[in-house]
N, C-alpha and C. Protein backbone atom coordinates (compact mmCIF):
# COMPACT_ATOMS: atom_id res chain seq x y z
N LEU A 1 6.58 -25.65 -9.85
CA LEU A 1 5.89 -26.16 -8.43
C LEU A 1 4.57 -26.29 -8.35
N CYS A 2 3.97 -26.95 -9.62
CA CYS A 2 2.61 -27.83 -9.91
C CYS A 2 3.50 -28.98 -9.34
N ARG A 3 4.65 -29.73 -10.25
CA ARG A 3 5.26 -30.88 -9.58
C ARG A 3 5.67 -31.05 -8.13
N THR A 4 5.71 -30.06 -7.37
CA THR A 4 6.10 -29.99 -5.92
C THR A 4 4.54 -30.61 -5.24
N VAL A 5 3.70 -29.56 -5.43
CA VAL A 5 2.24 -29.68 -5.12
C VAL A 5 2.15 -30.76 -5.00
N ASN A 6 1.67 -31.64 -6.57
CA ASN A 6 1.28 -32.66 -6.75
C ASN A 6 2.12 -33.77 -5.65
N ARG A 7 3.38 -33.65 -4.81
CA ARG A 7 4.67 -34.39 -4.45
C ARG A 7 5.49 -35.56 -6.17
N LEU A 8 5.29 -34.77 -7.01
CA LEU A 8 6.27 -35.52 -7.44
C LEU A 8 7.72 -35.20 -7.65
N GLU A 9 7.44 -33.81 -6.98
CA GLU A 9 9.18 -33.45 -6.59
C GLU A 9 8.93 -33.21 -5.42
N THR A 10 10.45 -33.58 -4.32
CA THR A 10 10.59 -32.98 -2.61
C THR A 10 10.70 -31.94 -2.71
N VAL A 11 9.85 -31.38 -2.13
CA VAL A 11 10.55 -29.36 -1.27
C VAL A 11 11.93 -29.63 -0.48
N GLN A 12 13.16 -28.78 -1.53
CA GLN A 12 14.52 -29.02 -0.88
C GLN A 12 14.61 -28.08 0.75
N SER A 13 14.19 -27.33 0.87
CA SER A 13 13.87 -26.35 1.73
C SER A 13 12.93 -25.28 1.74
N GLY A 14 12.29 -24.66 2.69
CA GLY A 14 11.40 -24.00 2.87
C GLY A 14 10.47 -25.11 2.99
N SER A 15 8.80 -24.55 2.50
CA SER A 15 7.58 -25.13 2.34
C SER A 15 7.06 -24.53 1.82
N ILE A 16 5.47 -25.21 1.56
CA ILE A 16 4.88 -24.42 0.66
C ILE A 16 3.50 -24.83 1.22
N LEU A 17 2.55 -23.08 1.32
CA LEU A 17 0.83 -23.35 2.22
C LEU A 17 -0.09 -23.31 0.95
N LEU A 18 -0.79 -24.04 1.18
CA LEU A 18 -2.32 -24.24 0.27
C LEU A 18 -3.30 -23.77 1.10
N ASP A 19 -4.12 -22.39 0.38
CA ASP A 19 -5.00 -21.89 0.99
C ASP A 19 -4.30 -22.20 2.78
N GLY A 20 -3.31 -21.37 2.85
CA GLY A 20 -2.70 -21.09 4.24
C GLY A 20 -1.83 -22.71 5.02
N GLU A 21 -2.55 -23.56 4.75
CA GLU A 21 -2.28 -24.97 5.05
C GLU A 21 -1.51 -25.81 4.97
N PRO A 22 -0.24 -26.25 5.61
CA PRO A 22 0.98 -26.84 4.60
C PRO A 22 0.49 -28.07 3.80
N LEU A 23 0.54 -28.16 2.99
CA LEU A 23 0.69 -29.71 2.14
C LEU A 23 0.16 -30.85 2.81
N PRO A 24 -0.11 -31.59 2.44
CA PRO A 24 0.35 -33.05 2.88
C PRO A 24 1.00 -33.82 2.84
N ASP A 25 2.14 -34.64 3.86
CA ASP A 25 2.73 -35.45 2.85
C ASP A 25 2.20 -36.41 2.06
N GLU A 26 1.39 -37.52 2.52
CA GLU A 26 0.99 -38.61 2.09
C GLU A 26 -0.06 -38.68 2.41
N GLY A 27 -1.15 -40.14 2.35
CA GLY A 27 -1.81 -40.47 2.86
C GLY A 27 -3.18 -39.93 1.85
N ARG A 28 -4.43 -40.05 2.85
CA ARG A 28 -5.52 -39.79 2.04
C ARG A 28 -5.70 -38.48 1.98
N GLY A 29 -4.81 -37.05 2.56
CA GLY A 29 -4.72 -35.56 2.68
C GLY A 29 -4.09 -35.67 1.42
N LEU A 30 -3.22 -36.74 0.70
CA LEU A 30 -2.54 -36.40 -0.30
C LEU A 30 -3.31 -36.62 -1.51
N ALA A 31 -3.80 -37.55 -1.27
CA ALA A 31 -4.56 -38.42 -2.52
C ALA A 31 -6.20 -37.36 -2.73
N ARG A 32 -6.58 -36.63 -1.80
CA ARG A 32 -7.73 -35.46 -1.26
C ARG A 32 -7.82 -34.62 -2.25
N LEU A 33 -6.17 -34.07 -1.84
CA LEU A 33 -5.37 -33.36 -2.94
C LEU A 33 -5.21 -33.26 -4.39
N ARG A 34 -4.73 -34.34 -4.37
CA ARG A 34 -4.68 -34.53 -6.23
C ARG A 34 -5.87 -34.76 -7.00
N THR A 35 -7.10 -35.00 -6.56
CA THR A 35 -8.34 -34.61 -6.64
C THR A 35 -8.68 -33.33 -7.14
N GLU A 36 -8.43 -32.18 -5.96
CA GLU A 36 -8.48 -31.04 -6.76
C GLU A 36 -7.29 -30.31 -7.49
N VAL A 37 -6.22 -30.78 -7.42
CA VAL A 37 -5.80 -29.82 -8.02
C VAL A 37 -5.20 -31.16 -9.37
N GLY A 38 -5.23 -30.20 -10.78
CA GLY A 38 -5.11 -30.74 -12.31
C GLY A 38 -3.76 -30.20 -12.63
N MET A 39 -2.96 -31.45 -13.24
CA MET A 39 -1.31 -30.87 -13.95
C MET A 39 -2.39 -31.40 -15.40
N VAL A 40 -1.07 -30.31 -16.27
CA VAL A 40 -1.11 -30.88 -17.96
C VAL A 40 0.23 -30.73 -17.91
N PHE A 41 0.82 -32.42 -18.31
CA PHE A 41 2.13 -32.88 -18.63
C PHE A 41 2.50 -31.84 -20.19
N GLN A 42 3.49 -31.97 -20.33
CA GLN A 42 4.02 -31.08 -21.74
C GLN A 42 4.26 -32.33 -22.50
N SER A 43 5.15 -33.14 -22.01
CA SER A 43 4.97 -34.55 -22.39
C SER A 43 3.38 -35.13 -22.77
N PHE A 44 3.35 -35.98 -23.78
CA PHE A 44 2.00 -36.46 -23.86
C PHE A 44 1.20 -36.84 -22.73
N ASN A 45 1.99 -38.22 -22.14
CA ASN A 45 1.38 -39.09 -21.00
C ASN A 45 0.05 -39.28 -21.10
N LEU A 46 -0.20 -39.86 -22.47
CA LEU A 46 -1.34 -40.41 -22.82
C LEU A 46 -1.61 -42.03 -23.23
N PHE A 47 -2.29 -42.24 -22.53
CA PHE A 47 -2.28 -44.43 -22.45
C PHE A 47 -2.82 -43.95 -24.41
N ALA A 48 -1.66 -45.26 -25.07
CA ALA A 48 -1.79 -45.17 -26.58
C ALA A 48 -2.55 -45.79 -26.94
N HIS A 49 -2.92 -46.98 -25.96
CA HIS A 49 -4.31 -47.37 -26.16
C HIS A 49 -5.89 -47.37 -25.90
N LYS A 50 -5.79 -45.70 -25.14
CA LYS A 50 -7.20 -45.46 -25.23
C LYS A 50 -7.34 -44.63 -25.77
N THR A 51 -8.84 -43.93 -26.33
CA THR A 51 -8.88 -43.05 -27.65
C THR A 51 -8.85 -41.89 -26.21
N VAL A 52 -9.22 -40.56 -26.70
CA VAL A 52 -9.22 -39.44 -25.88
C VAL A 52 -9.70 -39.15 -25.32
N LEU A 53 -11.17 -39.42 -25.59
CA LEU A 53 -12.50 -39.89 -24.36
C LEU A 53 -11.96 -40.37 -22.83
N GLU A 54 -11.61 -41.76 -24.08
CA GLU A 54 -11.12 -42.56 -22.46
C GLU A 54 -10.20 -41.91 -21.51
N ASN A 55 -9.20 -41.45 -22.39
CA ASN A 55 -8.26 -41.11 -21.45
C ASN A 55 -8.69 -39.79 -20.62
N VAL A 56 -9.15 -39.42 -20.77
CA VAL A 56 -9.96 -37.69 -20.42
C VAL A 56 -10.32 -38.35 -19.26
N SER A 57 -11.55 -39.22 -19.35
CA SER A 57 -12.69 -39.75 -18.64
C SER A 57 -12.12 -40.87 -17.49
N LEU A 58 -10.41 -41.08 -17.47
CA LEU A 58 -10.08 -42.37 -16.89
C LEU A 58 -10.02 -42.13 -15.43
N ALA A 59 -9.33 -40.56 -15.38
CA ALA A 59 -8.85 -40.07 -13.64
C ALA A 59 -10.64 -39.73 -12.96
N GLN A 60 -11.53 -39.14 -13.77
CA GLN A 60 -12.75 -39.14 -12.94
C GLN A 60 -13.14 -40.44 -12.58
N ILE A 61 -13.25 -41.69 -13.37
CA ILE A 61 -13.14 -43.11 -13.29
C ILE A 61 -12.69 -43.63 -11.90
N LYS A 62 -11.76 -43.73 -12.02
CA LYS A 62 -10.38 -44.19 -11.30
C LYS A 62 -10.40 -43.50 -9.94
N VAL A 63 -10.19 -41.93 -10.07
CA VAL A 63 -9.73 -40.93 -8.83
C VAL A 63 -10.90 -40.66 -8.01
N ARG A 64 -11.89 -40.20 -8.85
CA ARG A 64 -13.21 -39.56 -8.61
C ARG A 64 -14.45 -40.63 -8.28
N HIS A 65 -14.01 -42.10 -8.78
CA HIS A 65 -15.44 -43.09 -8.92
C HIS A 65 -16.61 -42.93 -8.99
N ARG A 66 -16.28 -42.27 -10.33
CA ARG A 66 -18.10 -41.58 -11.00
C ARG A 66 -17.83 -42.91 -12.09
N LYS A 67 -19.26 -42.57 -12.50
CA LYS A 67 -19.87 -43.92 -13.52
C LYS A 67 -18.81 -43.35 -14.93
N ARG A 68 -18.92 -44.31 -15.95
CA ARG A 68 -18.32 -44.29 -17.03
C ARG A 68 -19.35 -43.32 -17.41
N GLU A 69 -20.85 -43.57 -17.82
CA GLU A 69 -20.96 -42.73 -18.48
C GLU A 69 -21.17 -41.54 -18.07
N ASP A 70 -21.08 -40.89 -16.92
CA ASP A 70 -21.17 -39.42 -16.42
C ASP A 70 -19.85 -38.89 -16.53
N ALA A 71 -18.45 -39.66 -16.07
CA ALA A 71 -17.48 -39.37 -16.62
C ALA A 71 -17.31 -38.74 -18.25
N ASP A 72 -17.90 -39.75 -18.98
CA ASP A 72 -17.90 -39.41 -20.45
C ASP A 72 -18.34 -38.15 -20.99
N ARG A 73 -19.56 -37.96 -20.23
CA ARG A 73 -20.64 -37.02 -20.29
C ARG A 73 -19.30 -35.71 -20.31
N ARG A 74 -19.13 -35.87 -19.04
CA ARG A 74 -18.51 -34.55 -18.76
C ARG A 74 -17.77 -34.60 -19.46
N SER A 75 -16.35 -35.13 -19.74
CA SER A 75 -15.25 -35.24 -20.70
C SER A 75 -15.68 -35.09 -22.41
N ARG A 76 -16.65 -35.34 -22.59
CA ARG A 76 -16.92 -34.36 -24.24
C ARG A 76 -17.46 -33.44 -23.65
N GLU A 77 -17.88 -32.68 -22.54
CA GLU A 77 -17.92 -31.24 -22.31
C GLU A 77 -16.64 -30.52 -22.00
N LEU A 78 -15.91 -31.24 -21.48
CA LEU A 78 -14.45 -30.97 -21.86
C LEU A 78 -13.71 -30.71 -22.86
N LEU A 79 -14.32 -31.53 -23.77
CA LEU A 79 -13.09 -31.58 -25.03
C LEU A 79 -13.72 -30.65 -25.94
N ASP A 80 -15.31 -30.44 -25.87
CA ASP A 80 -15.67 -29.74 -26.80
C ASP A 80 -15.45 -28.21 -26.49
N ARG A 81 -15.11 -27.69 -24.89
CA ARG A 81 -15.08 -26.33 -24.73
C ARG A 81 -13.35 -26.06 -25.14
N VAL A 82 -12.55 -27.23 -25.25
CA VAL A 82 -11.27 -26.57 -26.02
C VAL A 82 -11.51 -27.24 -27.00
N GLY A 83 -12.12 -27.60 -27.96
CA GLY A 83 -12.25 -27.48 -29.93
C GLY A 83 -11.88 -29.16 -29.65
N LEU A 84 -11.69 -29.47 -28.77
CA LEU A 84 -11.21 -31.12 -29.31
C LEU A 84 -12.56 -32.13 -29.29
N GLY A 85 -13.61 -31.78 -29.52
CA GLY A 85 -14.73 -32.67 -29.17
C GLY A 85 -14.64 -33.71 -30.54
N PRO A 86 -14.51 -33.15 -31.87
CA PRO A 86 -14.39 -34.14 -32.68
C PRO A 86 -13.49 -35.09 -32.65
N GLN A 87 -12.62 -35.12 -32.09
CA GLN A 87 -11.07 -35.61 -31.61
C GLN A 87 -11.62 -37.00 -30.80
N ALA A 88 -12.80 -36.43 -30.03
CA ALA A 88 -13.03 -38.02 -28.64
C ALA A 88 -12.79 -39.34 -29.45
N GLY A 89 -13.31 -40.03 -30.49
CA GLY A 89 -12.70 -41.20 -31.41
C GLY A 89 -11.71 -41.53 -31.47
N LYS A 90 -10.60 -40.60 -31.36
CA LYS A 90 -9.13 -40.67 -32.21
C LYS A 90 -8.35 -41.27 -31.00
N TYR A 91 -7.21 -41.97 -31.38
CA TYR A 91 -6.15 -42.48 -30.11
C TYR A 91 -4.97 -41.12 -30.27
N PRO A 92 -4.86 -41.20 -29.47
CA PRO A 92 -3.52 -39.98 -29.40
C PRO A 92 -2.10 -40.02 -30.49
N ALA A 93 -1.89 -41.35 -31.19
CA ALA A 93 -1.39 -41.11 -32.55
C ALA A 93 -1.60 -40.32 -33.61
N GLN A 94 -3.14 -40.41 -33.14
CA GLN A 94 -4.01 -39.73 -34.87
C GLN A 94 -3.71 -38.37 -34.74
N LEU A 95 -3.39 -37.91 -33.30
CA LEU A 95 -3.86 -35.99 -33.04
C LEU A 95 -2.27 -35.59 -33.48
N SER A 96 -2.72 -34.34 -33.64
CA SER A 96 -1.12 -33.83 -33.95
C SER A 96 -0.45 -33.19 -32.42
N GLY A 97 0.27 -32.74 -32.52
CA GLY A 97 1.40 -32.13 -31.17
C GLY A 97 0.42 -31.02 -30.81
N GLY A 98 -0.02 -30.27 -31.56
CA GLY A 98 -0.99 -29.28 -30.68
C GLY A 98 -1.99 -29.10 -29.92
N GLN A 99 -2.84 -30.73 -30.28
CA GLN A 99 -4.34 -31.42 -29.93
C GLN A 99 -3.85 -31.75 -29.07
């Protein structure tokens, strides 16, 4: 369902409503929806050449157009919330699968 909401999979039949509205097919409506809907993929999907902090901050910078300092500050808060604050400077290969 999450993949369909993000338009990574196509709906074969029927429709999906989000807050009573049909999902946008493309364009600005879809871009706006994607800024509000997050996904956690089962596979890593992290950039190996970026640190944990850089990976978490990237979408905020590219999608939400936040300044790096603001994105990094928010990312550190989020990493602390899930117990990964001390791992912020590490690269994905340095983390365990559960992290």
